[in-house]
């Protein structure tokens, strides 16, 4: 029975996957994935990010996996450039999505002390989707012999026009943040629109258009004392009648003797999962590890097991070629 449910879950996921995007629990760890306006928004000169997620190992023969790498850099004062490559693979049908998205952003500050900042960004790239239709099974191949099984020698009743799709993709976004040093509360917020060009995609030769995906994030960094800070935040996105809403509280604790920041976050994704995340920032590296505890109606099959996710970010700052002169020792 569990195998049958697993196949059913997979088929439903595939049909949804043709019109909806993958998602990450550590969404803010992958800045170019959450908003192109975050390109170059960091303290440093270059940023490299790697991300990996695996989920549904409890109910799928082959777990769904997501891999992502990105690079961005600050250019002169207001401009920044970067790019992201992401790969999503789901189940035994070999459903695979590869996205390549170069990005650019422009940022400016305003206000009496220039602590308010606005950043606008765009991504223009492409995605390629493919599927191995010969490895899929369908309802009219299901027979009652041996207690119920799929007979792959029977016709599927499906007519796949192609096994691969290659399309142009366009995303735009905007971010606001307040970054006054030593301020107790620094709010931030942003909005992104994915797939503005609404590319036509279908493995069945139909005129199905990929829906625009609006996304909103918001929150604030609240400094409790010089060693402790909290970050309450929300995340909402909507695409083709499917929505995702998460609310979270992040914590940061500074260990002065080791010059180490300990990170922890508790995230709730509405009607889907509770997520526990731990991490650390040391020097130029930020590492995070999280686990999704499934709380949806599928939990009776998954036994609460959801997904494991990990990420690593490296930020490089170039040395100042003309440092301020210092007084020599006498």
C-alpha atoms as a PDB file:
ATOM      1  CA  UNK A   1       0.000   0.000   0.000  1.00  0.00           C
ATOM      2  CA  UNK A   2       2.835   2.368   0.858  1.00  0.00           C
ATOM      3  CA  UNK A   3       4.425   1.769  -2.565  1.00  0.00           C
ATOM      4  CA  UNK A   4       1.142   2.637  -4.286  1.00  0.00           C
ATOM      5  CA  UNK A   5       0.789   5.835  -2.238  1.00  0.00           C
ATOM      6  CA  UNK A   6       4.389   6.726  -3.064  1.00  0.00           C
ATOM      7  CA  UNK A   7       3.694   6.388  -6.790  1.00  0.00           C
ATOM      8  CA  UNK A   8       0.524   8.428  -6.443  1.00  0.00           C
ATOM      9  CA  UNK A   9       2.388  11.197  -4.605  1.00  0.00           C
ATOM     10  CA  UNK A  10       5.051  11.179  -7.305  1.00  0.00           C
ATOM     11  CA  UNK A  11       2.563  11.480 -10.174  1.00  0.00           C
ATOM     12  CA  UNK A  12       0.756  14.353  -8.450  1.00  0.00           C
ATOM     13  CA  UNK A  13       4.078  16.087  -7.747  1.00  0.00           C
ATOM     14  CA  UNK A  14       5.097  15.746 -11.389  1.00  0.00           C
ATOM     15  CA  UNK A  15       1.851  17.231 -12.645  1.00  0.00           C
ATOM     16  CA  UNK A  16       2.230  20.156 -10.220  1.00  0.00           C
ATOM     17  CA  UNK A  17       5.927  20.532 -11.037  1.00  0.00           C
ATOM     18  CA  UNK A  18       5.160  21.382 -14.663  1.00  0.00           C
ATOM     19  CA  UNK A  19       3.523  24.641 -13.576  1.00  0.00           C
ATOM     20  CA  UNK A  20       5.102  25.436 -10.209  1.00  0.00           C
ATOM     21  CA  UNK A  21       8.627  26.074  -8.955  1.00  0.00           C
ATOM     22  CA  UNK A  22      10.743  24.319  -6.342  1.00  0.00           C
ATOM     23  CA  UNK A  23      11.118  25.944  -2.941  1.00  0.00           C
ATOM     24  CA  UNK A  24      13.730  26.153  -0.183  1.00  0.00           C
ATOM     25  CA  UNK A  25      13.277  26.247   3.575  1.00  0.00           C
ATOM     26  CA  UNK A  26      16.458  28.318   3.988  1.00  0.00           C
ATOM     27  CA  UNK A  27      15.127  30.788   1.438  1.00  0.00           C
ATOM     28  CA  UNK A  28      17.095  33.788   2.717  1.00  0.00           C
ATOM     29  CA  UNK A  29      20.383  31.847   2.660  1.00  0.00           C
ATOM     30  CA  UNK A  30      20.237  31.828  -1.167  1.00  0.00           C
ATOM     31  CA  UNK A  31      19.963  35.577  -1.899  1.00  0.00           C
ATOM     32  CA  UNK A  32      19.841  35.475  -5.711  1.00  0.00           C
ATOM     33  CA  UNK A  33      17.116  32.841  -5.553  1.00  0.00           C
ATOM     34  CA  UNK A  34      14.884  34.850  -3.215  1.00  0.00           C
ATOM     35  CA  UNK A  35      15.194  38.248  -4.940  1.00  0.00           C
ATOM     36  CA  UNK A  36      17.430  39.540  -7.772  1.00  0.00           C
ATOM     37  CA  UNK A  37      17.537  42.896  -5.947  1.00  0.00           C
ATOM     38  CA  UNK A  38      19.739  41.176  -3.334  1.00  0.00           C
ATOM     39  CA  UNK A  39      22.530  40.853  -5.907  1.00  0.00           C
ATOM     40  CA  UNK A  40      25.536  42.536  -4.313  1.00  0.00           C
ATOM     41  CA  UNK A  41      23.754  43.311  -1.030  1.00  0.00           C
ATOM     42  CA  UNK A  42      26.400  42.135   1.422  1.00  0.00           C
ATOM     43  CA  UNK A  43      29.467  43.491   3.191  1.00  0.00           C
ATOM     44  CA  UNK A  44      32.404  42.547   1.001  1.00  0.00           C
ATOM     45  CA  UNK A  45      33.386  42.352  -2.670  1.00  0.00           C
ATOM     46  CA  UNK A  46      32.546  38.801  -3.839  1.00  0.00           C
ATOM     47  CA  UNK A  47      30.062  36.218  -2.600  1.00  0.00           C
ATOM     48  CA  UNK A  48      29.873  32.508  -3.473  1.00  0.00           C
ATOM     49  CA  UNK A  49      26.947  30.386  -2.316  1.00  0.00           C
ATOM     50  CA  UNK A  50      26.181  26.657  -2.475  1.00  0.00           C
ATOM     51  CA  UNK A  51      22.888  24.981  -1.520  1.00  0.00           C
ATOM     52  CA  UNK A  52      21.540  21.417  -1.422  1.00  0.00           C
ATOM     53  CA  UNK A  53      18.152  20.009  -0.409  1.00  0.00           C
ATOM     54  CA  UNK A  54      16.696  16.490  -0.406  1.00  0.00           C
ATOM     55  CA  UNK A  55      13.101  15.663   0.525  1.00  0.00           C
ATOM     56  CA  UNK A  56      10.403  12.964   0.508  1.00  0.00           C
ATOM     57  CA  UNK A  57      12.813  10.065   1.001  1.00  0.00           C
ATOM     58  CA  UNK A  58      10.107   8.542   3.215  1.00  0.00           C
ATOM     59  CA  UNK A  59       7.508   8.291   0.423  1.00  0.00           C
ATOM     60  CA  UNK A  60       9.357   8.432  -2.919  1.00  0.00           C
ATOM     61  CA  UNK A  61      11.573   5.743  -4.472  1.00  0.00           C
ATOM     62  CA  UNK A  62      13.959   8.496  -5.485  1.00  0.00           C
ATOM     63  CA  UNK A  63      13.935  11.602  -3.246  1.00  0.00           C
ATOM     64  CA  UNK A  64      13.373  15.058  -4.707  1.00  0.00           C
ATOM     65  CA  UNK A  65      16.676  16.959  -4.758  1.00  0.00           C
ATOM     66  CA  UNK A  66      17.592  20.605  -5.319  1.00  0.00           C
ATOM     67  CA  UNK A  67      21.100  21.909  -5.925  1.00  0.00           C
ATOM     68  CA  UNK A  68      22.061  25.553  -6.381  1.00  0.00           C
ATOM     69  CA  UNK A  69      25.239  27.606  -6.767  1.00  0.00           C
ATOM     70  CA  UNK A  70      25.512  31.367  -7.169  1.00  0.00           C
ATOM     71  CA  UNK A  71      28.120  34.106  -7.442  1.00  0.00           C
ATOM     72  CA  UNK A  72      27.714  37.862  -7.165  1.00  0.00           C
ATOM     73  CA  UNK A  73      29.969  40.878  -6.866  1.00  0.00           C
ATOM     74  CA  UNK A  74      29.681  44.565  -6.154  1.00  0.00           C
ATOM     75  CA  UNK A  75      30.669  46.824  -9.032  1.00  0.00           C
ATOM     76  CA  UNK A  76      31.702  50.401  -8.282  1.00  0.00           C
ATOM     77  CA  UNK A  77      29.266  52.183  -5.962  1.00  0.00           C
ATOM     78  CA  UNK A  78      25.688  51.356  -6.938  1.00  0.00           C
ATOM     79  CA  UNK A  79      25.809  48.458  -9.392  1.00  0.00           C
ATOM     80  CA  UNK A  80      26.192  44.737  -8.755  1.00  0.00           C
ATOM     81  CA  UNK A  81      26.244  41.669 -10.997  1.00  0.00           C
ATOM     82  CA  UNK A  82      25.965  37.932 -10.473  1.00  0.00           C
ATOM     83  CA  UNK A  83      24.461  34.669 -11.612  1.00  0.00           C
ATOM     84  CA  UNK A  84      22.809  31.500 -10.368  1.00  0.00           C
ATOM     85  CA  UNK A  85      22.605  27.926 -11.628  1.00  0.00           C
ATOM     86  CA  UNK A  86      19.939  25.700 -10.058  1.00  0.00           C
ATOM     87  CA  UNK A  87      18.939  22.079 -10.632  1.00  0.00           C
ATOM     88  CA  UNK A  88      15.801  20.356  -9.381  1.00  0.00           C
ATOM     89  CA  UNK A  89      15.219  16.618  -9.847  1.00  0.00           C
ATOM     90  CA  UNK A  90      12.088  14.728  -8.824  1.00  0.00           C
ATOM     91  CA  UNK A  91      11.339  11.045  -8.610  1.00  0.00           C
ATOM     92  CA  UNK A  92      11.618   7.972 -10.822  1.00  0.00           C
ATOM     93  CA  UNK A  93      10.327   9.771 -13.911  1.00  0.00           C
ATOM     94  CA  UNK A  94      13.602  11.664 -14.170  1.00  0.00           C
ATOM     95  CA  UNK A  95      11.795  15.023 -14.069  1.00  0.00           C
ATOM     96  CA  UNK A  96      14.640  17.541 -14.142  1.00  0.00           C
ATOM     97  CA  UNK A  97      14.789  21.341 -14.226  1.00  0.00           C
ATOM     98  CA  UNK A  98      17.963  23.333 -14.863  1.00  0.00           C
ATOM     99  CA  UNK A  99      17.850  27.121 -14.558  1.00  0.00           C
ATOM    100  CA  UNK A 100      20.603  29.587 -15.488  1.00  0.00           C
ATOM    101  CA  UNK A 101      19.930  33.156 -14.358  1.00  0.00           C
ATOM    102  CA  UNK A 102      22.423  36.032 -14.738  1.00  0.00           C
ATOM    103  CA  UNK A 103      21.393  38.954 -12.508  1.00  0.00           C
ATOM    104  CA  UNK A 104      22.057  42.665 -12.060  1.00  0.00           C
ATOM    105  CA  UNK A 105      20.984  45.193  -9.459  1.00  0.00           C
ATOM    106  CA  UNK A 106      21.128  48.926  -8.808  1.00  0.00           C
ATOM    107  CA  UNK A 107      21.120  50.232  -5.244  1.00  0.00           C
ATOM    108  CA  UNK A 108      20.864  53.734  -3.822  1.00  0.00           C
ATOM    109  CA  UNK A 109      20.564  55.241  -0.356  1.00  0.00           C
ATOM    110  CA  UNK A 110      18.411  58.136   0.779  1.00  0.00           C
ATOM    111  CA  UNK A 111      17.365  60.055   3.881  1.00  0.00           C
ATOM    112  CA  UNK A 112      19.237  62.636   5.932  1.00  0.00           C
ATOM    113  CA  UNK A 113      21.916  60.143   6.984  1.00  0.00           C
ATOM    114  CA  UNK A 114      21.640  57.798   3.952  1.00  0.00           C
ATOM    115  CA  UNK A 115      20.714  54.784   6.099  1.00  0.00           C
ATOM    116  CA  UNK A 116      17.603  53.947   4.068  1.00  0.00           C
ATOM    117  CA  UNK A 117      18.395  51.834   1.001  1.00  0.00           C
ATOM    118  CA  UNK A 118      16.445  50.676  -2.047  1.00  0.00           C
ATOM    119  CA  UNK A 119      17.697  48.045  -4.455  1.00  0.00           C
ATOM    120  CA  UNK A 120      16.173  47.030  -7.795  1.00  0.00           C
ATOM    121  CA  UNK A 121      17.214  43.868  -9.591  1.00  0.00           C
ATOM    122  CA  UNK A 122      16.484  41.734 -12.619  1.00  0.00           C
ATOM    123  CA  UNK A 123      17.334  38.256 -13.885  1.00  0.00           C
ATOM    124  CA  UNK A 124      17.211  37.316 -17.559  1.00  0.00           C
ATOM    125  CA  UNK A 125      18.145  33.730 -18.323  1.00  0.00           C
ATOM    126  CA  UNK A 126      16.640  30.394 -19.284  1.00  0.00           C
ATOM    127  CA  UNK A 127      15.420  27.099 -17.913  1.00  0.00           C
ATOM    128  CA  UNK A 128      15.417  23.615 -19.390  1.00  0.00           C
ATOM    129  CA  UNK A 129      12.930  20.964 -18.257  1.00  0.00           C
ATOM    130  CA  UNK A 130      13.100  17.305 -19.199  1.00  0.00           C
ATOM    131  CA  UNK A 131      11.385  14.038 -18.325  1.00  0.00           C
ATOM    132  CA  UNK A 132      11.975  10.330 -18.993  1.00  0.00           C
ATOM    133  CA  UNK A 133       8.435   9.379 -19.999  1.00  0.00           C
ATOM    134  CA  UNK A 134       9.300   5.701 -20.545  1.00  0.00           C
ATOM    135  CA  UNK A 135       9.957   5.232 -16.815  1.00  0.00           C
ATOM    136  CA  UNK A 136       6.533   6.551 -15.732  1.00  0.00           C
ATOM    137  CA  UNK A 137       3.475   4.425 -14.958  1.00  0.00           C
ATOM    138  CA  UNK A 138      -0.155   5.529 -15.235  1.00  0.00           C
ATOM    139  CA  UNK A 139      -3.585   4.549 -13.949  1.00  0.00           C
ATOM    140  CA  UNK A 140      -4.592   2.471 -16.994  1.00  0.00           C
ATOM    141  CA  UNK A 141      -1.481   0.300 -16.487  1.00  0.00           C
ATOM    142  CA  UNK A 142      -2.611  -0.670 -12.981  1.00  0.00           C
ATOM    143  CA  UNK A 143      -3.932  -4.235 -12.715  1.00  0.00           C
ATOM    144  CA  UNK A 144      -5.327  -6.242  -9.787  1.00  0.00           C
ATOM    145  CA  UNK A 145      -3.009  -9.248 -10.106  1.00  0.00           C
ATOM    146  CA  UNK A 146      -0.695 -10.076  -7.174  1.00  0.00           C
ATOM    147  CA  UNK A 147      -2.685  -7.757  -4.944  1.00  0.00           C
ATOM    148  CA  UNK A 148      -2.280  -4.801  -7.291  1.00  0.00           C
ATOM    149  CA  UNK A 149       0.624  -3.863  -9.555  1.00  0.00           C
ATOM    150  CA  UNK A 150       1.585  -1.865 -12.667  1.00  0.00           C
ATOM    151  CA  UNK A 151       1.895  -3.744 -15.961  1.00  0.00           C
ATOM    152  CA  UNK A 152       4.295  -1.648 -18.034  1.00  0.00           C
ATOM    153  CA  UNK A 153       3.544  -3.673 -21.182  1.00  0.00           C
ATOM    154  CA  UNK A 154       0.109  -2.025 -21.348  1.00  0.00           C
ATOM    155  CA  UNK A 155      -0.368   1.245 -23.185  1.00  0.00           C
ATOM    156  CA  UNK A 156      -0.076   4.353 -20.998  1.00  0.00           C
ATOM    157  CA  UNK A 157      -2.803   6.169 -22.910  1.00  0.00           C
ATOM    158  CA  UNK A 158      -0.607   9.284 -22.869  1.00  0.00           C
ATOM    159  CA  UNK A 159       0.933  11.056 -25.850  1.00  0.00           C
ATOM    160  CA  UNK A 160       4.102  12.995 -24.987  1.00  0.00           C
ATOM    161  CA  UNK A 161       4.936  15.541 -27.690  1.00  0.00           C
ATOM    162  CA  UNK A 162       8.484  15.955 -26.399  1.00  0.00           C
ATOM    163  CA  UNK A 163      10.729  15.062 -23.480  1.00  0.00           C
ATOM    164  CA  UNK A 164      12.474  18.426 -23.195  1.00  0.00           C
ATOM    165  CA  UNK A 165      11.554  22.111 -22.937  1.00  0.00           C
ATOM    166  CA  UNK A 166      13.919  25.108 -23.284  1.00  0.00           C
ATOM    167  CA  UNK A 167      12.520  28.568 -22.444  1.00  0.00           C
ATOM    168  CA  UNK A 168      13.571  32.160 -21.744  1.00  0.00           C
ATOM    169  CA  UNK A 169      12.911  33.359 -18.179  1.00  0.00           C
ATOM    170  CA  UNK A 170      12.536  36.888 -16.743  1.00  0.00           C
ATOM    171  CA  UNK A 171      12.372  37.900 -13.058  1.00  0.00           C
ATOM    172  CA  UNK A 172      12.350  41.341 -11.392  1.00  0.00           C
ATOM    173  CA  UNK A 173      12.486  42.422  -7.743  1.00  0.00           C
ATOM    174  CA  UNK A 174      12.867  45.299  -5.304  1.00  0.00           C
ATOM    175  CA  UNK A 175      14.206  45.407  -1.719  1.00  0.00           C
ATOM    176  CA  UNK A 176      14.122  48.048   1.032  1.00  0.00           C
ATOM    177  CA  UNK A 177      16.297  47.907   4.124  1.00  0.00           C
ATOM    178  CA  UNK A 178      17.403  50.219   6.928  1.00  0.00           C
ATOM    179  CA  UNK A 179      21.034  49.740   7.904  1.00  0.00           C
ATOM    180  CA  UNK A 180      21.976  52.254  10.568  1.00  0.00           C
ATOM    181  CA  UNK A 181      24.929  50.939  12.625  1.00  0.00           C
ATOM    182  CA  UNK A 182      24.157  50.289  16.293  1.00  0.00           C
ATOM    183  CA  UNK A 183      20.444  50.858  15.703  1.00  0.00           C
ATOM    184  CA  UNK A 184      18.224  48.632  17.816  1.00  0.00           C
ATOM    185  CA  UNK A 185      15.728  47.755  15.038  1.00  0.00           C
ATOM    186  CA  UNK A 186      16.631  47.514  11.337  1.00  0.00           C
ATOM    187  CA  UNK A 187      13.590  46.554   9.187  1.00  0.00           C
ATOM    188  CA  UNK A 188      13.683  45.083   5.682  1.00  0.00           C
ATOM    189  CA  UNK A 189      11.190  44.007   3.034  1.00  0.00           C
ATOM    190  CA  UNK A 190      10.934  43.136  -0.617  1.00  0.00           C
ATOM    191  CA  UNK A 191       8.826  41.893  -3.493  1.00  0.00           C
ATOM    192  CA  UNK A 192       9.713  39.722  -6.491  1.00  0.00           C
ATOM    193  CA  UNK A 193       7.860  38.701  -9.649  1.00  0.00           C
ATOM    194  CA  UNK A 194       9.100  35.520 -11.326  1.00  0.00           C
ATOM    195  CA  UNK A 195       8.380  34.408 -14.927  1.00  0.00           C
ATOM    196  CA  UNK A 196       7.112  37.804 -16.077  1.00  0.00           C
ATOM    197  CA  UNK A 197       7.298  36.643 -19.690  1.00  0.00           C
ATOM    198  CA  UNK A 198       5.027  33.649 -18.881  1.00  0.00           C
ATOM    199  CA  UNK A 199       6.782  31.111 -21.138  1.00  0.00           C
ATOM    200  CA  UNK A 200       4.704  28.386 -22.783  1.00  0.00           C
ATOM    201  CA  UNK A 201       5.677  24.944 -21.486  1.00  0.00           C
ATOM    202  CA  UNK A 202       4.165  21.492 -21.899  1.00  0.00           C
ATOM    203  CA  UNK A 203       5.382  17.952 -22.463  1.00  0.00           C
ATOM    204  CA  UNK A 204       2.047  17.178 -24.131  1.00  0.00           C
ATOM    205  CA  UNK A 205       2.185  19.852 -26.840  1.00  0.00           C
ATOM    206  CA  UNK A 206      -0.430  22.048 -25.130  1.00  0.00           C
ATOM    207  CA  UNK A 207      -0.356  25.853 -24.844  1.00  0.00           C
ATOM    208  CA  UNK A 208       0.233  25.852 -21.090  1.00  0.00           C
ATOM    209  CA  UNK A 209       1.823  29.062 -19.788  1.00  0.00           C
ATOM    210  CA  UNK A 210       3.973  29.095 -16.673  1.00  0.00           C
ATOM    211  CA  UNK A 211       2.197  31.275 -14.111  1.00  0.00           C
ATOM    212  CA  UNK A 212       3.789  34.435 -12.700  1.00  0.00           C
ATOM    213  CA  UNK A 213       4.941  33.848  -9.127  1.00  0.00           C
ATOM    214  CA  UNK A 214       4.694  36.925  -6.842  1.00  0.00           C
ATOM    215  CA  UNK A 215       6.728  36.699  -3.650  1.00  0.00           C
ATOM    216  CA  UNK A 216       6.922  38.938  -0.567  1.00  0.00           C
ATOM    217  CA  UNK A 217       9.431  38.871   2.283  1.00  0.00           C
ATOM    218  CA  UNK A 218       9.671  41.109   5.339  1.00  0.00           C
ATOM    219  CA  UNK A 219      11.111  41.333   8.805  1.00  0.00           C
ATOM    220  CA  UNK A 220      13.508  43.166  11.061  1.00  0.00           C
ATOM    221  CA  UNK A 221      16.785  42.597  12.863  1.00  0.00           C
ATOM    222  CA  UNK A 222      16.302  43.413  16.544  1.00  0.00           C
ATOM    223  CA  UNK A 223      19.425  43.876  18.669  1.00  0.00           C
ATOM    224  CA  UNK A 224      18.854  42.723  22.242  1.00  0.00           C
ATOM    225  CA  UNK A 225      22.399  43.436  23.459  1.00  0.00           C
ATOM    226  CA  UNK A 226      25.892  43.465  21.891  1.00  0.00           C
ATOM    227  CA  UNK A 227      25.925  39.645  21.766  1.00  0.00           C
ATOM    228  CA  UNK A 228      22.310  38.710  21.015  1.00  0.00           C
ATOM    229  CA  UNK A 229      20.042  39.646  18.093  1.00  0.00           C
ATOM    230  CA  UNK A 230      16.667  38.301  16.934  1.00  0.00           C
ATOM    231  CA  UNK A 231      15.180  38.383  13.426  1.00  0.00           C
ATOM    232  CA  UNK A 232      11.420  37.824  13.097  1.00  0.00           C
ATOM    233  CA  UNK A 233      10.456  37.398   9.423  1.00  0.00           C
ATOM    234  CA  UNK A 234       7.668  36.317   7.086  1.00  0.00           C
ATOM    235  CA  UNK A 235       7.664  34.867   3.570  1.00  0.00           C
ATOM    236  CA  UNK A 236       4.740  34.503   1.188  1.00  0.00           C
ATOM    237  CA  UNK A 237       4.485  33.372  -2.422  1.00  0.00           C
ATOM    238  CA  UNK A 238       1.697  32.377  -4.769  1.00  0.00           C
ATOM    239  CA  UNK A 239       1.664  30.496  -8.073  1.00  0.00           C
ATOM    240  CA  UNK A 240      -1.123  28.882 -10.060  1.00  0.00           C
ATOM    241  CA  UNK A 241      -3.556  28.379  -7.132  1.00  0.00           C
ATOM    242  CA  UNK A 242      -0.776  27.121  -4.836  1.00  0.00           C
ATOM    243  CA  UNK A 243       0.514  29.316  -2.019  1.00  0.00           C
ATOM    244  CA  UNK A 244       3.210  29.153   0.616  1.00  0.00           C
ATOM    245  CA  UNK A 245       3.314  31.169   3.822  1.00  0.00           C
ATOM    246  CA  UNK A 246       6.056  30.900   6.429  1.00  0.00           C
ATOM    247  CA  UNK A 247       6.759  32.816   9.605  1.00  0.00           C
ATOM    248  CA  UNK A 248       9.998  32.471  11.511  1.00  0.00           C
ATOM    249  CA  UNK A 249      12.176  33.771  14.310  1.00  0.00           C
ATOM    250  CA  UNK A 250      15.940  33.705  13.917  1.00  0.00           C
ATOM    251  CA  UNK A 251      18.513  34.108  16.678  1.00  0.00           C
ATOM    252  CA  UNK A 252      22.160  35.129  16.689  1.00  0.00           C
ATOM    253  CA  UNK A 253      24.610  34.755  19.584  1.00  0.00           C
ATOM    254  CA  UNK A 254      28.170  36.080  19.449  1.00  0.00           C
ATOM    255  CA  UNK A 255      30.950  34.097  21.162  1.00  0.00           C
ATOM    256  CA  UNK A 256      33.553  36.807  21.607  1.00  0.00           C
ATOM    257  CA  UNK A 257      36.391  34.508  22.721  1.00  0.00           C
ATOM    258  CA  UNK A 258      36.136  32.564  19.421  1.00  0.00           C
ATOM    259  CA  UNK A 259      34.959  35.430  17.201  1.00  0.00           C
ATOM    260  CA  UNK A 260      32.089  33.103  16.224  1.00  0.00           C
ATOM    261  CA  UNK A 261      28.404  33.789  15.587  1.00  0.00           C
ATOM    262  CA  UNK A 262      26.000  30.950  16.425  1.00  0.00           C
ATOM    263  CA  UNK A 263      22.790  30.990  14.365  1.00  0.00           C
ATOM    264  CA  UNK A 264      19.448  29.293  14.951  1.00  0.00           C
ATOM    265  CA  UNK A 265      16.024  29.661  13.341  1.00  0.00           C
ATOM    266  CA  UNK A 266      12.601  28.167  13.976  1.00  0.00           C
ATOM    267  CA  UNK A 267      10.343  28.259  10.895  1.00  0.00           C
ATOM    268  CA  UNK A 268       6.712  27.268  10.421  1.00  0.00           C
ATOM    269  CA  UNK A 269       5.403  26.690   6.906  1.00  0.00           C
ATOM    270  CA  UNK A 270       1.609  26.909   7.014  1.00  0.00           C
ATOM    271  CA  UNK A 271      -0.116  23.488   6.839  1.00  0.00           C
ATOM    272  CA  UNK A 272       3.103  21.848   5.696  1.00  0.00           C
ATOM    273  CA  UNK A 273       6.140  21.740   7.998  1.00  0.00           C
ATOM    274  CA  UNK A 274       7.978  22.878  11.086  1.00  0.00           C
ATOM    275  CA  UNK A 275      11.635  23.590  10.313  1.00  0.00           C
ATOM    276  CA  UNK A 276      14.598  23.668  12.674  1.00  0.00           C
ATOM    277  CA  UNK A 277      17.737  25.389  11.431  1.00  0.00           C
ATOM    278  CA  UNK A 278      21.199  25.733  12.987  1.00  0.00           C
ATOM    279  CA  UNK A 279      24.298  27.430  11.673  1.00  0.00           C
ATOM    280  CA  UNK A 280      27.391  29.473  12.360  1.00  0.00           C
ATOM    281  CA  UNK A 281      29.328  32.397  10.917  1.00  0.00           C
ATOM    282  CA  UNK A 282      33.089  32.280  11.278  1.00  0.00           C
ATOM    283  CA  UNK A 283      35.396  34.594   9.386  1.00  0.00           C
ATOM    284  CA  UNK A 284      34.233  34.734   5.770  1.00  0.00           C
ATOM    285  CA  UNK A 285      32.091  31.569   5.984  1.00  0.00           C
ATOM    286  CA  UNK A 286      28.413  31.085   6.867  1.00  0.00           C
ATOM    287  CA  UNK A 287      27.115  27.513   7.139  1.00  0.00           C
ATOM    288  CA  UNK A 288      23.576  26.321   7.865  1.00  0.00           C
ATOM    289  CA  UNK A 289      21.818  22.979   8.320  1.00  0.00           C
ATOM    290  CA  UNK A 290      18.049  22.512   8.624  1.00  0.00           C
ATOM    291  CA  UNK A 291      15.436  19.769   8.748  1.00  0.00           C
ATOM    292  CA  UNK A 292      11.745  19.872   7.772  1.00  0.00           C
ATOM    293  CA  UNK A 293       9.334  17.991  10.043  1.00  0.00           C
ATOM    294  CA  UNK A 294       6.300  17.217   7.906  1.00  0.00           C
ATOM    295  CA  UNK A 295       2.997  18.348   9.481  1.00  0.00           C
ATOM    296  CA  UNK A 296       0.716  18.084   6.416  1.00  0.00           C
ATOM    297  CA  UNK A 297      -1.892  15.392   5.706  1.00  0.00           C
ATOM    298  CA  UNK A 298       0.953  13.343   4.196  1.00  0.00           C
ATOM    299  CA  UNK A 299       2.520  12.912   7.647  1.00  0.00           C
ATOM    300  CA  UNK A 300       0.584   9.671   8.199  1.00  0.00           C
ATOM    301  CA  UNK A 301       2.696   8.154   5.403  1.00  0.00           C
ATOM    302  CA  UNK A 302       5.923  10.102   5.891  1.00  0.00           C
ATOM    303  CA  UNK A 303       5.908   9.668   9.705  1.00  0.00           C
ATOM    304  CA  UNK A 304       6.799  13.339   9.937  1.00  0.00           C
ATOM    305  CA  UNK A 305       9.935  12.977   7.801  1.00  0.00           C
ATOM    306  CA  UNK A 306      10.317  15.847   5.363  1.00  0.00           C
ATOM    307  CA  UNK A 307      13.551  17.264   3.987  1.00  0.00           C
ATOM    308  CA  UNK A 308      17.175  17.940   4.872  1.00  0.00           C
ATOM    309  CA  UNK A 309      18.816  21.126   3.641  1.00  0.00           C
ATOM    310  CA  UNK A 310      22.332  22.562   3.897  1.00  0.00           C
ATOM    311  CA  UNK A 311      24.034  25.695   2.610  1.00  0.00           C
ATOM    312  CA  UNK A 312      27.445  27.353   2.660  1.00  0.00           C
ATOM    313  CA  UNK A 313      28.314  30.958   1.819  1.00  0.00           C
ATOM    314  CA  UNK A 314      31.768  32.483   1.374  1.00  0.00           C
ATOM    315  CA  UNK A 315      32.293  36.257   1.243  1.00  0.00           C
ATOM    316  CA  UNK A 316      35.616  37.674   0.099  1.00  0.00           C
ATOM    317  CA  UNK A 317      36.819  41.222   0.726  1.00  0.00           C
ATOM    318  CA  UNK A 318      39.740  42.575  -1.255  1.00  0.00           C
ATOM    319  CA  UNK A 319      42.489  44.261   0.756  1.00  0.00           C
ATOM    320  CA  UNK A 320      42.644  48.020   0.468  1.00  0.00           C
ATOM    321  CA  UNK A 321      45.492  48.801  -1.989  1.00  0.00           C
ATOM    322  CA  UNK A 322      45.964  52.260  -0.443  1.00  0.00           C
ATOM    323  CA  UNK A 323      45.539  51.860   3.307  1.00  0.00           C
ATOM    324  CA  UNK A 324      45.707  54.896   5.521  1.00  0.00           C
ATOM    325  CA  UNK A 325      49.301  55.504   6.689  1.00  0.00           C
ATOM    326  CA  UNK A 326      50.060  54.718  10.300  1.00  0.00           C
ATOM    327  CA  UNK A 327      52.599  56.410  12.541  1.00  0.00           C
ATOM    328  CA  UNK A 328      55.809  54.336  12.697  1.00  0.00           C
ATOM    329  CA  UNK A 329      57.007  53.093  16.058  1.00  0.00           C
ATOM    330  CA  UNK A 330      59.704  55.271  17.650  1.00  0.00           C
END
